[in-house]
């Protein structure tokens, strides 16, 4: 089973680490020595390939793989040794090829044939909408855009009311072919 995820630099408990999603799960390696500090395997079991680059935020790591699920873990140091504490795991969470983006307290990504918004700290799915399936994600000026192969699902994901709290919502969406029309960037006034 191959691993295609990129390495992410992070710091947990004051120790600089390189975090990678490998064929057998997430791993944190000490940047200075190359020593393996912690592992988390549940989100890779049964997957034909691990592709999603981990998202590091708020002292935690999110990642996932098809046929396994998505998980948030918190690498912590206990009695001089690092362990990966599972915050949540769910096989319905985003595991798409293009990874996830985090806006505020929410995670946006794809899984199977849908895109979704997930509360980052709890793993609660706030909304889910059928779309192109596994997609690459871009966060730009308060909106998210996801693309897949030869089409772009233009999704203006923003708050329904002009507030700074709560999840963003898919307020409009459309699928456009890349072979002709350009895709407009969502207006963020």
C-alpha atoms as a PDB file:
ATOM      1  CA  UNK A   1       0.000   0.000   0.000  1.00  0.00           C
ATOM      2  CA  UNK A   2       1.623   3.288  -1.079  1.00  0.00           C
ATOM      3  CA  UNK A   3       1.736   6.571   0.830  1.00  0.00           C
ATOM      4  CA  UNK A   4       1.492   9.855  -1.072  1.00  0.00           C
ATOM      5  CA  UNK A   5       1.049  12.357   1.770  1.00  0.00           C
ATOM      6  CA  UNK A   6       3.421  15.275   2.255  1.00  0.00           C
ATOM      7  CA  UNK A   7       5.436  15.844   5.426  1.00  0.00           C
ATOM      8  CA  UNK A   8       4.264  18.650   7.731  1.00  0.00           C
ATOM      9  CA  UNK A   9       6.459  20.454  10.281  1.00  0.00           C
ATOM     10  CA  UNK A  10       4.873  20.862  13.711  1.00  0.00           C
ATOM     11  CA  UNK A  11       5.758  21.439  17.344  1.00  0.00           C
ATOM     12  CA  UNK A  12       4.194  19.419  20.171  1.00  0.00           C
ATOM     13  CA  UNK A  13       5.169  19.791  23.837  1.00  0.00           C
ATOM     14  CA  UNK A  14       8.017  22.059  22.726  1.00  0.00           C
ATOM     15  CA  UNK A  15       9.552  19.444  20.407  1.00  0.00           C
ATOM     16  CA  UNK A  16       9.862  20.202  16.683  1.00  0.00           C
ATOM     17  CA  UNK A  17       8.550  17.246  14.699  1.00  0.00           C
ATOM     18  CA  UNK A  18       7.912  16.096  11.173  1.00  0.00           C
ATOM     19  CA  UNK A  19       4.429  14.584  10.867  1.00  0.00           C
ATOM     20  CA  UNK A  20       3.601  12.235   8.005  1.00  0.00           C
ATOM     21  CA  UNK A  21       0.743   9.948   7.081  1.00  0.00           C
ATOM     22  CA  UNK A  22       2.474   6.682   6.186  1.00  0.00           C
ATOM     23  CA  UNK A  23       1.118   3.372   4.933  1.00  0.00           C
ATOM     24  CA  UNK A  24       0.511   2.191   8.503  1.00  0.00           C
ATOM     25  CA  UNK A  25      -0.811   5.494   9.887  1.00  0.00           C
ATOM     26  CA  UNK A  26       0.270   8.860  11.224  1.00  0.00           C
ATOM     27  CA  UNK A  27       3.740   9.258  12.688  1.00  0.00           C
ATOM     28  CA  UNK A  28       5.630  12.032  14.434  1.00  0.00           C
ATOM     29  CA  UNK A  29       9.414  12.052  14.080  1.00  0.00           C
ATOM     30  CA  UNK A  30      11.731  14.333  16.044  1.00  0.00           C
ATOM     31  CA  UNK A  31      13.179  16.835  13.552  1.00  0.00           C
ATOM     32  CA  UNK A  32      16.554  17.043  15.278  1.00  0.00           C
ATOM     33  CA  UNK A  33      17.328  13.318  15.594  1.00  0.00           C
ATOM     34  CA  UNK A  34      14.931  11.437  13.295  1.00  0.00           C
ATOM     35  CA  UNK A  35      13.680   9.419  16.274  1.00  0.00           C
ATOM     36  CA  UNK A  36      10.123   8.064  16.010  1.00  0.00           C
ATOM     37  CA  UNK A  37       8.137   9.789  18.774  1.00  0.00           C
ATOM     38  CA  UNK A  38       4.564   8.578  18.261  1.00  0.00           C
ATOM     39  CA  UNK A  39       2.263   6.635  15.920  1.00  0.00           C
ATOM     40  CA  UNK A  40      -1.466   6.400  15.258  1.00  0.00           C
ATOM     41  CA  UNK A  41      -2.629   3.552  13.000  1.00  0.00           C
ATOM     42  CA  UNK A  42      -6.442   3.430  13.119  1.00  0.00           C
ATOM     43  CA  UNK A  43      -7.030   5.921  10.273  1.00  0.00           C
ATOM     44  CA  UNK A  44      -4.986   3.887   7.761  1.00  0.00           C
ATOM     45  CA  UNK A  45      -6.199   0.320   8.457  1.00  0.00           C
ATOM     46  CA  UNK A  46      -7.773  -1.271   5.400  1.00  0.00           C
ATOM     47  CA  UNK A  47      -7.033   1.590   3.021  1.00  0.00           C
ATOM     48  CA  UNK A  48      -5.584   0.808  -0.426  1.00  0.00           C
ATOM     49  CA  UNK A  49      -3.475   4.013  -0.258  1.00  0.00           C
ATOM     50  CA  UNK A  50      -2.880   6.874   2.161  1.00  0.00           C
ATOM     51  CA  UNK A  51      -2.915  10.176   0.330  1.00  0.00           C
ATOM     52  CA  UNK A  52      -4.224  12.973   2.561  1.00  0.00           C
ATOM     53  CA  UNK A  53      -1.581  15.353   3.877  1.00  0.00           C
ATOM     54  CA  UNK A  54      -2.146  15.807   7.614  1.00  0.00           C
ATOM     55  CA  UNK A  55      -3.650  19.066   8.884  1.00  0.00           C
ATOM     56  CA  UNK A  56      -1.951  20.357  12.036  1.00  0.00           C
ATOM     57  CA  UNK A  57      -3.832  22.899  14.152  1.00  0.00           C
ATOM     58  CA  UNK A  58      -4.448  23.698  17.826  1.00  0.00           C
ATOM     59  CA  UNK A  59      -1.988  21.049  19.034  1.00  0.00           C
ATOM     60  CA  UNK A  60      -3.765  18.306  17.068  1.00  0.00           C
ATOM     61  CA  UNK A  61      -3.381  16.403  13.784  1.00  0.00           C
ATOM     62  CA  UNK A  62      -6.261  15.489  11.438  1.00  0.00           C
ATOM     63  CA  UNK A  63      -5.930  12.934   8.666  1.00  0.00           C
ATOM     64  CA  UNK A  64      -7.837  10.091   7.074  1.00  0.00           C
ATOM     65  CA  UNK A  65      -7.926   7.486   4.316  1.00  0.00           C
ATOM     66  CA  UNK A  66     -10.533   5.739   2.155  1.00  0.00           C
ATOM     67  CA  UNK A  67     -11.875   2.478   3.608  1.00  0.00           C
ATOM     68  CA  UNK A  68     -10.668   3.578   7.047  1.00  0.00           C
ATOM     69  CA  UNK A  69     -11.960   6.989   8.187  1.00  0.00           C
ATOM     70  CA  UNK A  70     -10.894  10.371   9.478  1.00  0.00           C
ATOM     71  CA  UNK A  71      -9.357  11.021  12.877  1.00  0.00           C
ATOM     72  CA  UNK A  72      -8.119  13.836  15.067  1.00  0.00           C
ATOM     73  CA  UNK A  73      -5.263  12.978  17.415  1.00  0.00           C
ATOM     74  CA  UNK A  74      -3.403  15.029  19.992  1.00  0.00           C
ATOM     75  CA  UNK A  75       0.287  14.114  20.413  1.00  0.00           C
ATOM     76  CA  UNK A  76       1.107  14.600  24.106  1.00  0.00           C
ATOM     77  CA  UNK A  77       4.137  13.881  26.240  1.00  0.00           C
ATOM     78  CA  UNK A  78       3.490  11.615  29.245  1.00  0.00           C
ATOM     79  CA  UNK A  79       6.300  10.563  31.561  1.00  0.00           C
ATOM     80  CA  UNK A  80       8.886  11.626  28.970  1.00  0.00           C
ATOM     81  CA  UNK A  81       7.283   9.661  26.103  1.00  0.00           C
ATOM     82  CA  UNK A  82       4.968  10.898  23.359  1.00  0.00           C
ATOM     83  CA  UNK A  83       1.620   9.219  22.762  1.00  0.00           C
ATOM     84  CA  UNK A  84      -1.092  10.035  20.219  1.00  0.00           C
ATOM     85  CA  UNK A  85      -4.363  10.507  22.106  1.00  0.00           C
ATOM     86  CA  UNK A  86      -7.398   9.918  19.894  1.00  0.00           C
ATOM     87  CA  UNK A  87      -9.810  12.853  20.115  1.00  0.00           C
ATOM     88  CA  UNK A  88     -12.257  11.282  17.644  1.00  0.00           C
ATOM     89  CA  UNK A  89     -12.476   8.796  14.783  1.00  0.00           C
ATOM     90  CA  UNK A  90     -15.336   8.387  12.304  1.00  0.00           C
ATOM     91  CA  UNK A  91     -15.463   6.515   8.996  1.00  0.00           C
ATOM     92  CA  UNK A  92     -17.865   9.169   7.596  1.00  0.00           C
ATOM     93  CA  UNK A  93     -15.408  12.087   7.911  1.00  0.00           C
ATOM     94  CA  UNK A  94     -13.433  13.700   5.043  1.00  0.00           C
ATOM     95  CA  UNK A  95     -10.745  11.456   3.595  1.00  0.00           C
ATOM     96  CA  UNK A  96     -10.571  12.820   0.034  1.00  0.00           C
ATOM     97  CA  UNK A  97      -7.500  12.889  -2.149  1.00  0.00           C
ATOM     98  CA  UNK A  98      -7.236  16.696  -2.022  1.00  0.00           C
ATOM     99  CA  UNK A  99      -7.079  16.945   1.742  1.00  0.00           C
ATOM    100  CA  UNK A 100      -8.966  19.360   3.947  1.00  0.00           C
ATOM    101  CA  UNK A 101      -8.917  23.042   4.843  1.00  0.00           C
ATOM    102  CA  UNK A 102      -9.687  24.630   8.197  1.00  0.00           C
ATOM    103  CA  UNK A 103     -11.523  27.925   8.459  1.00  0.00           C
ATOM    104  CA  UNK A 104     -12.060  29.112  12.020  1.00  0.00           C
ATOM    105  CA  UNK A 105     -13.263  26.181  14.106  1.00  0.00           C
ATOM    106  CA  UNK A 106     -14.423  24.110  11.133  1.00  0.00           C
ATOM    107  CA  UNK A 107     -12.873  21.618   8.751  1.00  0.00           C
ATOM    108  CA  UNK A 108     -14.006  21.360   5.109  1.00  0.00           C
ATOM    109  CA  UNK A 109     -13.260  18.355   2.938  1.00  0.00           C
ATOM    110  CA  UNK A 110     -14.649  15.569   0.791  1.00  0.00           C
ATOM    111  CA  UNK A 111     -15.461  11.945   1.258  1.00  0.00           C
ATOM    112  CA  UNK A 112     -16.976   9.579  -1.284  1.00  0.00           C
ATOM    113  CA  UNK A 113     -19.473  11.615  -3.282  1.00  0.00           C
ATOM    114  CA  UNK A 114     -19.955  14.587  -0.947  1.00  0.00           C
ATOM    115  CA  UNK A 115     -18.339  17.638   0.571  1.00  0.00           C
ATOM    116  CA  UNK A 116     -18.840  18.466   4.214  1.00  0.00           C
ATOM    117  CA  UNK A 117     -18.255  20.802   7.107  1.00  0.00           C
ATOM    118  CA  UNK A 118     -17.037  19.244  10.360  1.00  0.00           C
ATOM    119  CA  UNK A 119     -16.499  20.832  13.783  1.00  0.00           C
ATOM    120  CA  UNK A 120     -12.716  20.498  14.114  1.00  0.00           C
ATOM    121  CA  UNK A 121     -12.612  19.893  17.884  1.00  0.00           C
ATOM    122  CA  UNK A 122     -15.484  17.367  18.094  1.00  0.00           C
ATOM    123  CA  UNK A 123     -15.778  15.700  14.671  1.00  0.00           C
ATOM    124  CA  UNK A 124     -19.492  16.548  14.478  1.00  0.00           C
ATOM    125  CA  UNK A 125     -20.673  16.843  10.857  1.00  0.00           C
ATOM    126  CA  UNK A 126     -22.386  20.241  10.573  1.00  0.00           C
ATOM    127  CA  UNK A 127     -23.542  19.830   6.951  1.00  0.00           C
ATOM    128  CA  UNK A 128     -22.955  17.571   3.978  1.00  0.00           C
ATOM    129  CA  UNK A 129     -23.745  18.167   0.310  1.00  0.00           C
ATOM    130  CA  UNK A 130     -23.525  15.832  -2.658  1.00  0.00           C
ATOM    131  CA  UNK A 131     -20.825  17.040  -5.064  1.00  0.00           C
ATOM    132  CA  UNK A 132     -17.958  15.770  -7.201  1.00  0.00           C
ATOM    133  CA  UNK A 133     -16.547  13.373  -4.631  1.00  0.00           C
ATOM    134  CA  UNK A 134     -12.846  13.416  -3.721  1.00  0.00           C
ATOM    135  CA  UNK A 135     -11.595  16.917  -4.507  1.00  0.00           C
ATOM    136  CA  UNK A 136      -8.663  19.259  -4.038  1.00  0.00           C
ATOM    137  CA  UNK A 137      -9.403  22.166  -1.699  1.00  0.00           C
ATOM    138  CA  UNK A 138      -8.338  25.806  -1.707  1.00  0.00           C
ATOM    139  CA  UNK A 139      -9.192  28.414   0.892  1.00  0.00           C
ATOM    140  CA  UNK A 140      -9.374  31.946  -0.486  1.00  0.00           C
ATOM    141  CA  UNK A 141     -10.723  35.119   1.119  1.00  0.00           C
ATOM    142  CA  UNK A 142     -13.230  33.393   3.387  1.00  0.00           C
ATOM    143  CA  UNK A 143     -14.505  30.963   0.753  1.00  0.00           C
ATOM    144  CA  UNK A 144     -13.519  27.461  -0.307  1.00  0.00           C
ATOM    145  CA  UNK A 145     -13.130  26.139  -3.829  1.00  0.00           C
ATOM    146  CA  UNK A 146     -12.745  22.476  -4.648  1.00  0.00           C
ATOM    147  CA  UNK A 147     -11.763  20.895  -7.940  1.00  0.00           C
ATOM    148  CA  UNK A 148     -11.701  17.384  -9.329  1.00  0.00           C
ATOM    149  CA  UNK A 149     -10.087  16.129 -12.536  1.00  0.00           C
ATOM    150  CA  UNK A 150     -11.716  17.927 -15.471  1.00  0.00           C
ATOM    151  CA  UNK A 151     -14.409  19.847 -13.591  1.00  0.00           C
ATOM    152  CA  UNK A 152     -14.615  22.490 -10.919  1.00  0.00           C
ATOM    153  CA  UNK A 153     -17.296  22.499  -8.290  1.00  0.00           C
ATOM    154  CA  UNK A 154     -17.468  26.174  -7.475  1.00  0.00           C
ATOM    155  CA  UNK A 155     -18.694  26.438  -3.978  1.00  0.00           C
ATOM    156  CA  UNK A 156     -19.052  29.743  -2.253  1.00  0.00           C
ATOM    157  CA  UNK A 157     -18.758  28.561   1.303  1.00  0.00           C
ATOM    158  CA  UNK A 158     -19.439  31.431   3.679  1.00  0.00           C
ATOM    159  CA  UNK A 159     -21.582  32.296   6.664  1.00  0.00           C
ATOM    160  CA  UNK A 160     -25.304  32.716   6.049  1.00  0.00           C
ATOM    161  CA  UNK A 161     -25.365  35.771   8.275  1.00  0.00           C
ATOM    162  CA  UNK A 162     -22.577  38.338   8.433  1.00  0.00           C
ATOM    163  CA  UNK A 163     -21.155  37.060  11.723  1.00  0.00           C
ATOM    164  CA  UNK A 164     -17.742  35.802  12.680  1.00  0.00           C
ATOM    165  CA  UNK A 165     -19.050  32.684  14.440  1.00  0.00           C
ATOM    166  CA  UNK A 166     -20.485  29.367  13.345  1.00  0.00           C
ATOM    167  CA  UNK A 167     -19.762  27.169  10.340  1.00  0.00           C
ATOM    168  CA  UNK A 168     -19.615  28.390   6.774  1.00  0.00           C
ATOM    169  CA  UNK A 169     -22.390  27.091   4.509  1.00  0.00           C
ATOM    170  CA  UNK A 170     -22.486  26.187   0.847  1.00  0.00           C
ATOM    171  CA  UNK A 171     -24.508  29.187  -0.284  1.00  0.00           C
ATOM    172  CA  UNK A 172     -24.168  28.499  -3.990  1.00  0.00           C
ATOM    173  CA  UNK A 173     -22.556  25.840  -6.089  1.00  0.00           C
ATOM    174  CA  UNK A 174     -22.160  24.821  -9.685  1.00  0.00           C
ATOM    175  CA  UNK A 175     -20.133  22.368 -11.733  1.00  0.00           C
ATOM    176  CA  UNK A 176     -18.233  23.763 -14.710  1.00  0.00           C
ATOM    177  CA  UNK A 177     -15.995  22.088 -17.264  1.00  0.00           C
ATOM    178  CA  UNK A 178     -12.388  23.297 -17.290  1.00  0.00           C
ATOM    179  CA  UNK A 179     -12.306  22.980 -21.059  1.00  0.00           C
ATOM    180  CA  UNK A 180     -13.950  26.268 -21.924  1.00  0.00           C
ATOM    181  CA  UNK A 181     -15.291  28.535 -19.268  1.00  0.00           C
ATOM    182  CA  UNK A 182     -13.202  30.047 -16.535  1.00  0.00           C
ATOM    183  CA  UNK A 183     -14.291  29.598 -12.968  1.00  0.00           C
ATOM    184  CA  UNK A 184     -15.078  32.777 -11.053  1.00  0.00           C
ATOM    185  CA  UNK A 185     -13.562  33.258  -7.636  1.00  0.00           C
ATOM    186  CA  UNK A 186     -16.284  33.744  -5.016  1.00  0.00           C
ATOM    187  CA  UNK A 187     -16.909  37.397  -4.169  1.00  0.00           C
ATOM    188  CA  UNK A 188     -16.009  38.110  -0.548  1.00  0.00           C
ATOM    189  CA  UNK A 189     -17.277  41.612   0.145  1.00  0.00           C
END
